[in-house]
Protein backbone atom coordinates (compact mmCIF):
# COMPACT_ATOMS: atom_id res chain seq x y z
CA MET A 1 6.72 3.83 17.59
CA LYS A 2 10.11 3.11 16.76
CA GLN A 3 12.02 5.29 13.95
CA ARG A 4 14.57 4.63 11.52
CA SER A 5 17.27 7.10 11.16
CA PHE A 6 18.27 8.17 7.36
CA THR A 7 21.70 9.46 6.55
CA PHE A 8 22.78 9.53 3.00
CA THR A 9 24.61 12.09 0.32
CA PHE A 10 22.08 12.80 -3.02
CA ALA A 11 23.60 11.10 -5.73
CA PHE A 12 21.37 10.88 -9.21
CA ALA A 13 20.02 6.94 -9.65
CA THR A 14 23.02 5.03 -8.07
CA PHE A 15 21.98 1.81 -6.64
CA LEU A 16 24.05 2.43 -3.41
CA ILE A 17 21.50 5.66 -2.95
CA VAL A 18 18.22 3.64 -3.37
CA ALA A 19 19.78 0.82 -1.09
CA VAL A 20 20.37 3.16 2.04
CA LEU A 21 16.95 4.81 1.37
CA LEU A 22 15.37 1.56 1.59
CA MET A 23 17.04 0.37 4.51
CA THR A 24 16.36 3.60 6.43
CA PHE A 25 13.82 5.97 5.19
CA PRO A 26 11.42 6.36 8.56
CA LEU A 27 7.76 5.60 6.52
CA PHE A 28 9.14 2.82 4.73
CA ALA A 29 10.52 1.39 7.94
CA GLN A 30 10.20 -2.11 9.01
CA GLU A 31 7.90 -3.53 11.23
CA SER A 32 6.83 -1.08 13.91
CA THR A 33 4.50 -2.23 16.88
CA ALA A 34 2.14 0.68 18.32
CA ALA A 35 2.09 1.35 22.14
CA GLY A 36 1.38 -1.26 24.56
CA GLY A 37 2.20 -4.31 21.93
CA LYS A 38 -1.10 -3.32 19.71
CA GLU A 39 -1.02 -3.25 16.10
CA CYS A 40 -4.63 -3.12 15.58
CA GLY A 41 -7.07 -0.29 14.16
CA CYS A 42 -10.41 0.62 13.49
CA MET A 43 -11.98 2.38 10.30
CA PHE A 44 -14.70 4.88 10.36
CA VAL A 45 -18.02 3.73 8.93
CA ASP A 46 -20.15 6.79 9.69
CA VAL A 47 -19.12 10.36 10.65
CA LYS A 48 -21.93 12.09 12.66
CA GLY A 49 -21.93 15.06 15.24
CA ASN A 50 -18.63 16.87 14.25
CA THR A 51 -16.73 13.80 15.54
CA SER A 52 -13.22 14.16 15.36
CA VAL A 53 -9.80 12.35 15.92
CA LYS A 54 -6.32 13.49 17.35
CA LEU A 55 -3.51 11.04 16.24
CA ARG A 56 -0.96 10.18 18.44
CA GLY A 57 1.71 12.81 18.84
CA ALA A 58 0.01 15.34 16.85
CA THR A 59 -1.14 18.34 19.02
CA LYS A 60 -4.28 19.33 17.06
CA SER A 61 -7.38 17.40 16.16
CA VAL A 62 -8.90 16.69 12.43
CA PRO A 63 -12.09 16.09 11.12
CA ALA A 64 -13.09 12.62 11.10
CA LYS A 65 -14.52 11.03 7.83
CA PRO A 66 -15.89 7.76 6.54
CA ARG A 67 -12.84 5.04 5.11
CA MET A 68 -10.78 7.08 7.63
CA LEU A 69 -8.35 4.74 9.70
CA VAL A 70 -7.40 5.19 13.66
CA HIS A 71 -5.25 3.18 15.14
CA PHE A 72 -4.70 2.34 19.18
CA GLY A 73 -2.97 5.58 20.92
CA ASP A 74 -5.33 7.96 18.73
CA LEU A 75 -7.91 9.92 20.87
CA LEU A 76 -11.52 10.12 19.15
CA PHE A 77 -13.98 12.63 20.35
CA VAL A 78 -17.42 11.88 19.24
CA GLY A 79 -19.96 15.29 19.14
CA ALA A 80 -23.06 13.63 19.27
CA SER A 81 -25.10 10.05 20.88
CA PRO A 82 -25.37 7.91 19.36
CA GLY A 83 -22.36 9.07 16.97
CA ALA A 84 -19.69 7.65 14.68
CA SER A 85 -19.63 3.79 13.89
CA LEU A 86 -16.52 2.13 13.24
CA VAL A 87 -15.55 -1.54 12.66
CA CYS A 88 -12.55 -2.33 14.62
CA ASP A 89 -9.60 -5.23 14.82
CA GLY A 90 -10.53 -7.78 17.60
CA GLU A 91 -14.41 -6.67 17.40
CA LYS A 92 -17.43 -7.77 15.40
CA GLY A 93 -19.46 -6.30 13.95
CA ILE A 94 -19.86 -2.10 13.77
CA LEU A 95 -19.55 -0.42 16.75
CA VAL A 96 -21.43 2.55 17.78
CA LEU A 97 -19.78 5.03 19.67
CA THR A 98 -21.14 7.68 22.63
CA LYS A 99 -20.77 11.25 22.96
CA GLY A 100 -17.50 12.57 24.53
CA PRO A 101 -13.39 11.51 24.03
CA GLN A 102 -12.55 7.91 23.72
CA ALA A 103 -9.57 5.74 23.12
CA VAL A 104 -9.48 3.79 19.96
CA PRO A 105 -11.57 0.49 20.62
CA CYS A 106 -9.88 -2.12 19.26
CA ASP A 107 -8.08 -5.40 20.61
CA VAL A 108 -6.16 -7.91 18.68
CA GLY A 109 -5.50 -11.30 20.40
CA PRO A 110 -3.62 -14.24 19.69
CA GLY A 111 -4.87 -16.03 16.58
CA LYS A 112 -6.76 -13.07 15.47
CA PRO A 113 -6.09 -11.42 11.90
CA ILE A 114 -4.89 -7.92 11.69
CA LEU A 115 -7.84 -6.74 9.35
CA ILE A 116 -7.78 -2.86 9.58
CA GLY A 117 -4.71 -1.73 11.53
CA GLY A 118 -1.49 -2.01 10.11
CA HIS A 119 2.60 -1.96 11.23
CA THR A 120 2.66 1.37 11.75
CA GLN A 121 0.67 4.08 13.22
CA ASN A 122 -2.04 6.37 11.12
CA ALA A 123 -2.12 4.23 8.40
CA ARG A 124 1.41 5.58 7.16
CA LEU A 125 2.25 1.79 5.69
CA VAL A 126 0.70 -1.76 6.10
CA ASP A 127 4.19 -3.23 5.96
CA ASP A 128 7.50 -2.69 4.41
CA THR A 129 8.76 -1.57 1.01
CA THR A 130 10.86 -1.82 -2.01
CA LEU A 131 11.65 1.28 -3.90
CA SER A 132 13.91 1.57 -6.98
CA GLY A 133 14.67 4.22 -9.66
CA GLY A 134 11.87 3.39 -11.82
CA SER A 135 11.04 0.26 -14.16
CA GLN A 136 12.23 0.20 -17.89
CA SER A 137 9.62 0.86 -20.47
CA ASP A 138 11.61 -1.33 -22.99
CA ILE A 139 11.32 -4.40 -20.62
CA PRO A 140 8.33 -6.43 -19.96
CA ILE A 141 8.00 -5.85 -16.36
CA VAL A 142 5.92 -8.45 -14.49
CA LEU A 143 3.26 -6.71 -12.58
CA ALA A 144 1.55 -9.85 -10.45
CA PRO A 145 2.39 -11.78 -8.91
CA ARG A 146 5.34 -10.26 -7.77
CA ALA A 147 6.67 -9.96 -4.29
CA THR A 148 3.44 -11.04 -3.07
CA ARG A 149 1.84 -14.17 -1.23
CA LEU A 150 -1.27 -15.52 -2.87
CA LEU A 151 -5.12 -17.10 -1.60
CA ASN A 152 -5.60 -17.98 -5.26
CA PRO A 153 -3.50 -21.27 -6.80
CA HIS A 154 -4.47 -19.95 -10.31
CA PRO A 155 -3.67 -16.45 -10.32
CA THR A 156 -3.66 -13.90 -13.45
CA LEU A 157 -0.23 -13.16 -14.35
CA ARG A 158 -0.09 -9.54 -15.38
CA TRP A 159 2.89 -7.45 -17.37
CA GLN A 160 3.62 -4.27 -18.75
CA CYS A 161 3.79 -4.83 -22.34
CA ILE A 162 6.50 -2.90 -24.77
CA PRO A 163 6.20 -0.94 -27.50
CA ASN A 164 6.17 -3.02 -31.00
CA ALA A 165 5.86 -6.30 -29.73
CA THR A 166 2.61 -8.54 -29.59
CA GLU A 167 3.87 -11.84 -28.86
CA TYR A 168 4.57 -12.64 -25.00
CA LYS A 169 6.21 -15.90 -23.81
CA VAL A 170 5.01 -16.25 -20.03
CA THR A 171 6.75 -18.81 -17.66
CA VAL A 172 6.10 -19.88 -14.23
CA ARG A 173 8.95 -21.75 -13.04
CA GLY A 174 9.92 -23.02 -9.13
CA GLN A 175 11.59 -25.91 -7.52
CA GLY A 176 10.51 -29.03 -10.39
CA LEU A 177 8.03 -27.00 -11.61
CA SER A 178 8.61 -25.07 -15.65
CA TRP A 179 5.45 -24.08 -17.16
CA ALA A 180 5.16 -21.87 -20.28
CA ALA A 181 2.78 -20.26 -22.27
CA THR A 182 2.49 -18.02 -25.25
CA ALA A 183 -0.04 -14.74 -25.43
CA HIS A 184 -0.54 -12.18 -28.02
CA SER A 185 -1.35 -8.78 -27.92
CA THR A 186 -2.48 -9.32 -24.13
CA SER A 187 -1.20 -7.88 -20.91
CA ALA A 188 -2.80 -10.87 -18.77
CA LEU A 189 -3.25 -14.51 -19.06
CA LYS A 190 -4.87 -16.80 -16.55
CA TYR A 191 -2.58 -19.86 -15.09
CA PRO A 192 -5.15 -22.27 -16.03
CA ILE A 193 -6.61 -24.90 -13.95
CA ASP A 194 -4.80 -27.87 -16.18
CA ALA A 195 -1.36 -26.52 -15.81
CA PRO A 196 1.40 -28.11 -12.71
CA GLU A 197 -0.15 -27.45 -9.44
CA LEU A 198 1.70 -24.51 -7.22
CA LYS A 199 2.38 -25.95 -4.12
CA ARG A 200 1.83 -24.27 -0.75
CA GLY A 201 4.96 -22.72 1.06
CA GLN A 202 7.10 -23.07 -2.34
CA PRO A 203 8.32 -19.96 -4.07
CA TYR A 204 7.95 -19.27 -7.51
CA LYS A 205 8.49 -16.85 -10.10
CA VAL A 206 6.81 -15.44 -13.07
CA VAL A 207 9.27 -14.59 -16.12
CA ILE A 208 8.04 -12.65 -19.61
CA THR A 209 9.75 -12.59 -22.45
CA ALA A 210 9.30 -10.49 -25.89
CA GLY A 211 11.21 -8.81 -28.64
CA GLY A 212 14.54 -10.16 -27.22
CA ARG A 213 14.16 -8.92 -23.70
CA SER A 214 12.97 -10.11 -20.58
CA SER A 215 11.56 -9.38 -17.50
CA GLU A 216 14.67 -10.73 -15.53
CA GLU A 217 16.38 -7.49 -16.22
CA ASP A 218 14.57 -6.13 -13.78
CA ASP A 219 17.19 -7.30 -11.43
CA GLN A 220 15.70 -6.34 -8.01
CA PRO A 221 15.40 -9.12 -5.42
CA GLY A 222 12.47 -10.69 -4.00
CA LEU A 223 10.09 -10.45 -7.23
CA GLY A 224 8.48 -13.81 -6.67
CA PHE A 225 5.23 -15.15 -5.04
CA THR A 226 4.07 -18.21 -2.44
CA ILE A 227 0.94 -19.63 -2.32
CA LEU A 228 -0.50 -18.89 1.77
CA SER A 229 -0.69 -21.88 3.90
CA ALA A 230 -3.78 -23.83 4.67
CA GLU A 231 -3.94 -22.45 8.64
CA ASP A 232 -3.42 -18.58 7.07
CA GLU A 233 -5.77 -19.24 4.17
CA GLN A 234 -8.68 -20.18 6.80
CA LEU A 235 -7.75 -16.69 9.23
CA VAL A 236 -8.36 -14.80 6.37
CA ARG A 237 -11.12 -16.21 4.66
CA GLY A 238 -12.68 -16.43 8.02
CA ALA A 239 -12.26 -12.32 8.05
CA GLU A 240 -13.18 -11.93 4.36
CA THR A 241 -16.84 -13.93 5.47
CA GLU A 242 -16.71 -11.32 8.73
CA ILE A 243 -16.54 -8.17 6.24
CA ASP A 244 -19.39 -9.68 3.73
CA SER A 245 -21.27 -9.77 6.92
CA LEU A 246 -21.25 -5.89 7.32
CA ALA A 247 -24.08 -3.44 6.55
CA VAL A 248 -21.57 -1.12 5.15
CA GLU A 249 -21.19 0.47 1.71
CA THR A 250 -19.40 -1.39 -0.79
CA PRO A 251 -16.41 1.12 -1.34
CA THR A 252 -15.73 0.83 2.59
CA LYS A 253 -16.25 -3.14 2.31
CA ARG A 254 -13.60 -3.27 -0.56
CA LEU A 255 -11.17 -0.84 1.18
CA MET A 256 -11.44 -3.32 4.34
CA SER A 257 -10.82 -6.35 2.34
CA ALA A 258 -7.47 -4.78 0.34
CA ARG A 259 -6.20 -3.51 3.55
CA LEU A 260 -7.17 -7.30 5.15
CA LEU A 261 -5.10 -8.69 2.14
CA ALA A 262 -2.03 -6.24 2.18
CA ASN A 263 -2.34 -6.67 6.01
CA HIS A 264 -1.02 -10.57 5.44
CA GLY A 265 1.30 -10.18 2.32
CA LEU A 266 -1.45 -10.59 -0.25
CA ILE A 267 -0.13 -7.92 -2.25
CA ALA A 268 -1.68 -9.08 -5.82
CA GLU A 269 -4.65 -10.10 -4.84
CA ALA A 270 -5.34 -6.84 -2.73
CA MET A 271 -4.23 -4.31 -6.15
CA ASP A 272 -6.64 -6.56 -7.54
CA THR A 273 -9.72 -5.77 -5.42
CA LEU A 274 -9.27 -2.20 -6.04
CA GLU A 275 -8.32 -1.88 -9.55
CA GLU A 276 -9.68 -3.32 -12.97
CA PRO A 277 -6.22 -3.51 -14.86
CA PRO A 278 -6.43 -3.18 -18.60
CA GLN A 279 -6.17 -6.90 -20.14
CA SER A 280 -4.72 -5.27 -23.58
CA CYS A 281 -1.37 -4.09 -23.89
CA ASP A 282 -1.27 -0.59 -22.43
CA VAL A 283 2.14 0.57 -21.77
CA ARG A 284 0.77 3.96 -19.95
CA LEU A 285 1.77 4.56 -16.21
CA VAL A 286 -1.75 6.06 -14.96
CA PRO A 287 -4.33 5.22 -12.64
CA ASN A 288 -7.06 3.39 -13.40
CA PRO A 289 -9.97 6.20 -14.47
CA ASP A 290 -12.53 4.06 -12.61
CA THR A 291 -10.64 4.24 -9.19
CA THR A 292 -11.58 7.61 -8.04
CA ASP A 293 -11.84 6.81 -4.00
CA PRO A 294 -8.83 8.81 -2.35
CA ASP A 295 -8.33 6.34 0.05
CA ALA A 296 -8.04 3.55 -2.42
CA LEU A 297 -5.76 5.78 -4.46
CA GLN A 298 -3.50 6.04 -1.74
CA LEU A 299 -3.01 2.30 -0.55
CA LEU A 300 -2.82 1.25 -4.31
CA GLY A 301 0.17 4.01 -4.39
CA LEU A 302 1.89 2.44 -1.31
CA LEU A 303 1.19 -1.06 -2.79
CA TYR A 304 2.99 -0.24 -5.97
CA ALA A 305 5.60 1.11 -4.01
CA ARG A 306 5.87 -2.08 -2.08
CA ILE A 307 6.82 -4.35 -4.77
CA GLY A 308 8.90 -1.90 -6.93
CA LEU A 309 7.30 -0.36 -9.53
CA THR A 310 7.60 3.41 -8.33
CA ARG A 311 6.44 4.56 -11.57
CA ARG A 312 3.02 3.28 -10.97
CA ALA A 313 3.32 4.05 -6.89
CA GLU A 314 3.63 7.94 -8.29
CA GLY A 315 0.86 8.25 -10.82
CA TYR A 316 -1.34 6.77 -7.86
CA LEU A 317 -0.11 8.86 -4.99
CA LEU A 318 -0.75 11.84 -7.35
CA ALA A 319 -4.19 11.03 -8.21
CA ALA A 320 -4.50 10.80 -4.11
CA LEU A 321 -2.67 14.20 -3.30
CA GLN A 322 -4.96 15.89 -5.99
CA SER A 323 -7.77 14.19 -4.31
CA SER A 324 -6.84 15.22 -0.46
CA VAL A 325 -5.80 19.01 -1.45
CA GLN A 326 -9.49 19.40 -3.46
CA SER A 327 -11.30 18.35 -0.48
CA GLY A 328 -9.58 20.17 2.30
CA ASP A 329 -8.13 16.56 4.22
CA SER A 330 -5.05 18.15 5.67
CA LEU A 331 -3.62 14.41 7.28
CA GLY A 332 -4.18 12.46 3.70
CA GLU A 333 -2.12 15.32 1.77
CA ALA A 334 0.59 14.93 4.24
CA VAL A 335 0.65 11.26 3.63
CA SER A 336 0.68 11.34 0.14
CA SER A 337 2.55 14.31 -0.41
CA ASP A 338 5.31 12.82 1.96
CA PHE A 339 5.28 9.41 0.26
CA LEU A 340 5.85 10.97 -2.87
CA GLY A 341 8.84 12.83 -1.40
CA GLN A 342 10.19 9.84 -0.75
CA ILE A 343 9.73 8.05 -4.37
CA TYR A 344 11.08 10.87 -5.97
CA VAL A 345 14.33 10.88 -3.81
CA ALA A 346 14.40 6.98 -5.65
CA LEU A 347 13.75 8.65 -8.94
CA GLY A 348 16.84 10.99 -8.39
CA ASN A 349 14.35 14.03 -8.77
CA LYS A 350 15.44 16.31 -6.53
CA LYS A 351 13.25 19.43 -7.24
CA ASN A 352 9.96 17.55 -7.33
CA ALA A 353 11.28 15.68 -3.78
CA LEU A 354 11.88 18.89 -2.19
CA ASP A 355 8.77 20.65 -3.36
CA LYS A 356 6.53 17.53 -1.68
CA LEU A 357 8.52 17.38 1.50
CA GLN A 358 7.95 20.89 1.67
CA GLN A 359 4.32 20.28 0.96
CA ALA A 360 4.15 17.47 3.41
CA GLU A 361 5.38 19.83 5.74
CA ARG A 362 2.71 22.56 5.60
CA ALA A 363 0.56 19.76 6.21
CA TYR A 364 1.63 18.27 8.86
CA LYS A 365 1.90 21.74 10.76
CA ALA A 366 -1.77 22.36 9.46
CA ILE A 367 -2.87 18.78 11.67
CA GLY A 368 -0.07 19.84 14.55
CA ASP A 369 1.82 16.84 14.04
CA ASP A 370 5.16 18.26 15.14
CA GLU A 371 7.21 15.25 15.17
CA ASN A 372 6.66 14.67 11.32
CA VAL A 373 7.30 18.17 10.95
CA ALA A 374 10.60 17.58 12.50
CA GLU A 375 11.02 14.50 10.35
CA VAL A 376 10.48 16.43 6.77
CA GLN A 377 12.62 19.38 7.51
CA ARG A 378 15.40 17.40 8.53
CA ARG A 379 15.07 15.12 5.08
CA SER A 380 14.78 18.45 3.43
CA ARG A 381 18.28 19.95 4.70
CA ILE A 382 19.85 16.81 3.76
CA LEU A 383 18.94 16.97 0.34
CA GLN A 384 19.79 20.42 0.41
CA MET A 385 23.42 19.91 1.37
CA PRO A 386 26.10 20.64 -1.63
């Protein structure tokens, strides 16, 4: 897998450092294609018979668990026959594996959607990302739709409320369109059926104003949204139908659907699949208490990081990390702590960044991922430079 180099001098909360971080940090890298031109993956539905996985590039195997992702290049060891079952990109239905070692059985051809896999191996990330130093709490930050594509042309518009404000002006604007409404003591408003049509492929942006402040003070680039093309919508809807037809548990279906949406740039709707955001004003940056699945928590953290909401990403990844540590999931611990290290760099917190990178190093060693051990060691040394 192609990696990006990362070289910078640590300085607190400067735009230049964050910009360099975004362009060069390997885990938050641009799209990378797995070996053989594949980007496909599989998700475990059921695990039997001491099934384990040797991740591509690792020297040790890790126990397989339901909803774990595997990708082209990983090696599966199935300890019973019939053994573990998978749902894979490019394959219909549930695949039951036979006993013994075998490759990840996914194959995606032209015109087929990436359902489970992503753009980097071993579930590191489903797409590229934007990190920032964190959003200010005294401006009404847009939460959704933000830096996303949409299936629904009448989305729910969500924002982060600010202290002592009860009235919010909500504006949607684009070429030839400017719609506005006023909301009271709420953090969400549905774009109504009788509002001007949002056309496919046209860029739009949500702006929230309240208490003399505007969401446009959040000056990150690319915070608008577009409606998915008819062709792409057909592709995604077909994959959703396939997921609905599977005889798997609801949490597994939900996570599959969220990954499908995320892999097609439908970030807002992927997050809506995994969490039920509050409708009343709430400025707390904490995970939804109803979201407890560690795989969902980690994915939510990565999705919030991708749209530049670093503080919310931190909350979800901390919850995912705690769950992984409690369950003894070294891979989950490694990935969540590694991402948290990167987030703390963006937030200018050198101490926490080093702490999480060192935790990631220990977890990567536990699964024999020597490549990532060396990488986090290198980044730790850079952070400790005077």
